């Protein structure tokens, strides 16, 4: 993906989600590695129930936010010289580089979905601790939305991919038929030519 300086306001908004600001400007490798680190930190902290690890998210968020805004503030010449490279040597992991390069868009969409799901769940827990009991119906509604939307999105993506694969197969069959028809016509014209010569 070609890197390009974008609108500063939208860059600022996208930078609020770790890695999204870099992706918005076309630095897919930087954005993916930053987002992956942020999400993995949350997963590990939740799994191990250690708030100390979760505090690293603040550092990662700040780094990602200021890094994206720093990139946006560079001159055109400096911006053009910035190389899109993975943070923290992620590309050194076996098979990671080829996998991410091949499916970088799907990896990005998946990470964004996971990130928003985690933020949504955290918001529900936060509101449950703040709101009085008579307003718990809000958190119940939010929980239902958060519970079903990822499933709907993933289901929709699977259906879309299935339809695309069927469409691709039909096009492949049509192309094969067209190619066979062209070969048949070509063979007949050659045969007619040979008969005329004879």
Protein backbone atom coordinates (compact mmCIF):
# COMPACT_ATOMS: atom_id res chain seq x y z
CA UNK A 1 0.00 0.00 0.00
CA UNK A 2 1.34 3.45 -0.95
CA UNK A 3 2.05 5.78 1.97
CA UNK A 4 0.40 9.18 1.77
CA UNK A 5 -0.04 12.14 4.11
CA UNK A 6 -3.71 12.49 5.00
CA UNK A 7 -5.98 15.06 6.62
CA UNK A 8 -4.51 16.00 10.02
CA UNK A 9 -7.86 15.90 11.83
CA UNK A 10 -8.72 12.38 10.59
CA UNK A 11 -5.16 11.27 11.31
CA UNK A 12 -5.57 12.56 14.88
CA UNK A 13 -8.88 10.65 15.23
CA UNK A 14 -7.45 7.42 13.80
CA UNK A 15 -4.37 7.71 16.05
CA UNK A 16 -6.65 7.27 19.09
CA UNK A 17 -6.74 3.53 18.24
CA UNK A 18 -3.20 2.09 18.52
CA UNK A 19 -1.85 1.28 15.06
CA UNK A 20 -4.85 2.67 13.15
CA UNK A 21 -3.21 6.08 12.57
CA UNK A 22 -0.19 4.44 10.94
CA UNK A 23 -2.44 2.20 8.80
CA UNK A 24 -4.51 5.23 7.75
CA UNK A 25 -1.36 6.83 6.28
CA UNK A 26 -0.37 3.60 4.53
CA UNK A 27 2.20 2.28 7.03
CA UNK A 28 0.53 -1.13 7.27
CA UNK A 29 3.51 -2.96 8.81
CA UNK A 30 3.96 -0.34 11.55
CA UNK A 31 0.22 -0.22 12.27
CA UNK A 32 -0.26 -3.99 12.37
CA UNK A 33 2.66 -4.58 14.71
CA UNK A 34 1.54 -1.78 17.06
CA UNK A 35 -2.08 -2.96 17.12
CA UNK A 36 -1.02 -6.58 17.60
CA UNK A 37 1.19 -5.67 20.56
CA UNK A 38 -1.57 -3.58 22.18
CA UNK A 39 -4.19 -6.33 21.82
CA UNK A 40 -1.82 -9.09 22.98
CA UNK A 41 -0.95 -7.03 26.07
CA UNK A 42 -4.66 -6.77 26.95
CA UNK A 43 -5.21 -10.51 26.33
CA UNK A 44 -2.21 -11.51 28.49
CA UNK A 45 -3.17 -9.07 31.28
CA UNK A 46 -6.77 -10.37 31.32
CA UNK A 47 -5.73 -14.01 31.14
CA UNK A 48 -3.16 -13.68 33.94
CA UNK A 49 -5.33 -11.20 35.89
CA UNK A 50 -2.36 -8.83 36.34
CA UNK A 51 -3.12 -5.12 36.30
CA UNK A 52 0.61 -4.33 36.15
CA UNK A 53 0.83 -5.80 32.62
CA UNK A 54 -2.31 -3.90 31.61
CA UNK A 55 -0.59 -0.63 32.58
CA UNK A 56 1.80 -1.23 29.64
CA UNK A 57 -1.19 -0.49 27.39
CA UNK A 58 -0.97 3.16 28.47
CA UNK A 59 2.66 3.33 27.30
CA UNK A 60 1.83 1.53 24.04
CA UNK A 61 -1.17 3.79 23.40
CA UNK A 62 0.87 6.96 24.01
CA UNK A 63 3.72 5.73 21.81
CA UNK A 64 1.37 4.82 18.96
CA UNK A 65 -0.61 8.07 19.26
CA UNK A 66 2.42 10.37 19.26
CA UNK A 67 4.24 8.32 16.62
CA UNK A 68 1.29 8.63 14.18
CA UNK A 69 0.98 12.37 14.81
CA UNK A 70 4.75 12.80 14.42
CA UNK A 71 4.58 11.06 11.02
CA UNK A 72 1.75 13.38 9.99
CA UNK A 73 3.79 16.47 11.00
CA UNK A 74 6.83 15.55 8.84
CA UNK A 75 7.61 17.49 5.69
CA UNK A 76 6.74 15.81 2.37
CA UNK A 77 10.40 14.94 1.76
CA UNK A 78 10.91 13.47 5.25
CA UNK A 79 7.61 11.60 5.03
CA UNK A 80 8.63 10.08 1.70
CA UNK A 81 11.88 8.78 3.24
CA UNK A 82 10.14 6.91 6.09
CA UNK A 83 10.27 3.14 5.54
CA UNK A 84 7.28 0.98 6.46
CA UNK A 85 8.87 -1.60 8.76
CA UNK A 86 7.51 -3.82 11.51
CA UNK A 87 8.11 -2.68 15.08
CA UNK A 88 9.93 -4.90 17.59
CA UNK A 89 11.38 -7.30 14.98
CA UNK A 90 8.06 -9.09 14.32
CA UNK A 91 9.21 -9.92 10.78
CA UNK A 92 12.00 -12.05 12.28
CA UNK A 93 9.45 -14.62 13.51
CA UNK A 94 9.32 -17.71 11.22
CA UNK A 95 6.60 -17.41 8.58
CA UNK A 96 5.20 -14.20 10.11
CA UNK A 97 6.48 -11.87 7.40
CA UNK A 98 5.07 -13.84 4.46
CA UNK A 99 1.74 -14.44 6.25
CA UNK A 100 1.21 -10.78 7.18
CA UNK A 101 2.26 -9.54 3.73
CA UNK A 102 -0.12 -11.94 1.99
CA UNK A 103 -3.14 -11.34 4.24
CA UNK A 104 -2.33 -7.89 5.70
CA UNK A 105 -5.79 -6.44 4.99
CA UNK A 106 -7.66 -9.37 6.61
CA UNK A 107 -5.25 -9.35 9.56
CA UNK A 108 -5.89 -5.61 9.97
CA UNK A 109 -9.69 -6.01 9.85
CA UNK A 110 -9.51 -8.90 12.32
CA UNK A 111 -7.34 -6.95 14.75
CA UNK A 112 -9.60 -3.89 14.54
CA UNK A 113 -12.66 -6.09 15.27
CA UNK A 114 -10.91 -7.72 18.26
CA UNK A 115 -9.73 -4.32 19.51
CA UNK A 116 -13.22 -2.78 19.39
CA UNK A 117 -14.69 -5.88 21.05
CA UNK A 118 -12.21 -5.60 23.92
CA UNK A 119 -12.85 -1.86 24.32
CA UNK A 120 -16.63 -2.48 24.26
CA UNK A 121 -16.37 -5.16 26.98
CA UNK A 122 -14.18 -2.89 29.10
CA UNK A 123 -16.72 -0.07 28.73
CA UNK A 124 -19.54 -2.37 29.88
CA UNK A 125 -17.56 -3.37 33.00
CA UNK A 126 -16.73 0.27 33.70
CA UNK A 127 -20.37 1.40 33.41
CA UNK A 128 -21.52 -1.51 35.59
CA UNK A 129 -19.24 -0.25 38.34
CA UNK A 130 -20.35 3.40 37.99
CA UNK A 131 -24.09 3.27 37.27
CA UNK A 132 -26.72 2.69 39.98
CA UNK A 133 -28.59 -0.64 39.90
CA UNK A 134 -31.75 0.79 38.27
CA UNK A 135 -29.65 1.63 35.16
CA UNK A 136 -28.14 -1.86 34.76
CA UNK A 137 -30.47 -2.42 31.79
CA UNK A 138 -28.07 -0.18 29.78
CA UNK A 139 -25.15 -2.54 30.40
CA UNK A 140 -27.37 -5.55 29.60
CA UNK A 141 -28.32 -3.99 26.22
CA UNK A 142 -24.66 -3.15 25.55
CA UNK A 143 -23.65 -6.71 26.45
CA UNK A 144 -26.20 -8.16 24.00
CA UNK A 145 -25.02 -5.84 21.22
CA UNK A 146 -21.37 -6.65 21.94
CA UNK A 147 -22.14 -10.36 22.12
CA UNK A 148 -23.94 -10.62 18.78
CA UNK A 149 -22.27 -8.02 16.53
CA UNK A 150 -18.88 -9.83 16.20
CA UNK A 151 -20.74 -13.07 15.32
CA UNK A 152 -22.85 -11.23 12.73
CA UNK A 153 -19.76 -9.57 11.22
CA UNK A 154 -17.79 -12.84 11.05
CA UNK A 155 -20.83 -14.68 9.65
CA UNK A 156 -21.29 -11.96 7.01
CA UNK A 157 -17.61 -12.15 6.03
CA UNK A 158 -17.81 -15.96 5.68
CA UNK A 159 -20.94 -15.66 3.47
CA UNK A 160 -19.25 -12.93 1.38
CA UNK A 161 -16.12 -15.08 0.88
CA UNK A 162 -18.28 -18.09 -0.06
CA UNK A 163 -20.21 -16.07 -2.66
CA UNK A 164 -16.95 -14.65 -4.01
CA UNK A 165 -15.46 -18.14 -4.31
CA UNK A 166 -18.57 -19.41 -6.17
CA UNK A 167 -18.43 -16.37 -8.49
CA UNK A 168 -14.71 -16.94 -9.06
CA UNK A 169 -15.33 -20.62 -9.92
CA UNK A 170 -18.08 -19.69 -12.39
CA UNK A 171 -15.76 -17.19 -14.09
CA UNK A 172 -13.01 -19.82 -14.23
CA UNK A 173 -15.40 -22.35 -15.86
CA UNK A 174 -16.62 -19.70 -18.33
CA UNK A 175 -13.04 -18.81 -19.26
CA UNK A 176 -12.20 -22.50 -19.79
CA UNK A 177 -15.27 -22.92 -22.05
CA UNK A 178 -14.31 -19.79 -24.01
CA UNK A 179 -10.74 -21.04 -24.41
CA UNK A 180 -11.94 -24.47 -25.60
CA UNK A 181 -14.33 -22.81 -28.07
CA UNK A 182 -11.53 -20.63 -29.44
CA UNK A 183 -9.30 -23.70 -29.85
CA UNK A 184 -12.11 -25.56 -31.64
CA UNK A 185 -12.74 -22.65 -34.02
CA UNK A 186 -9.01 -22.27 -34.63
CA UNK A 187 -8.70 -26.02 -35.33
CA UNK A 188 -11.64 -25.95 -37.75
CA UNK A 189 -10.26 -22.95 -39.63
CA UNK A 190 -6.87 -24.67 -39.99
CA UNK A 191 -8.56 -27.85 -41.20
CA UNK A 192 -10.60 -25.88 -43.77
CA UNK A 193 -7.42 -24.12 -44.91
CA UNK A 194 -5.63 -27.42 -45.41
CA UNK A 195 -8.58 -28.83 -47.40
CA UNK A 196 -8.62 -25.78 -49.68
CA UNK A 197 -4.85 -26.15 -50.29
CA UNK A 198 -5.35 -29.87 -51.10
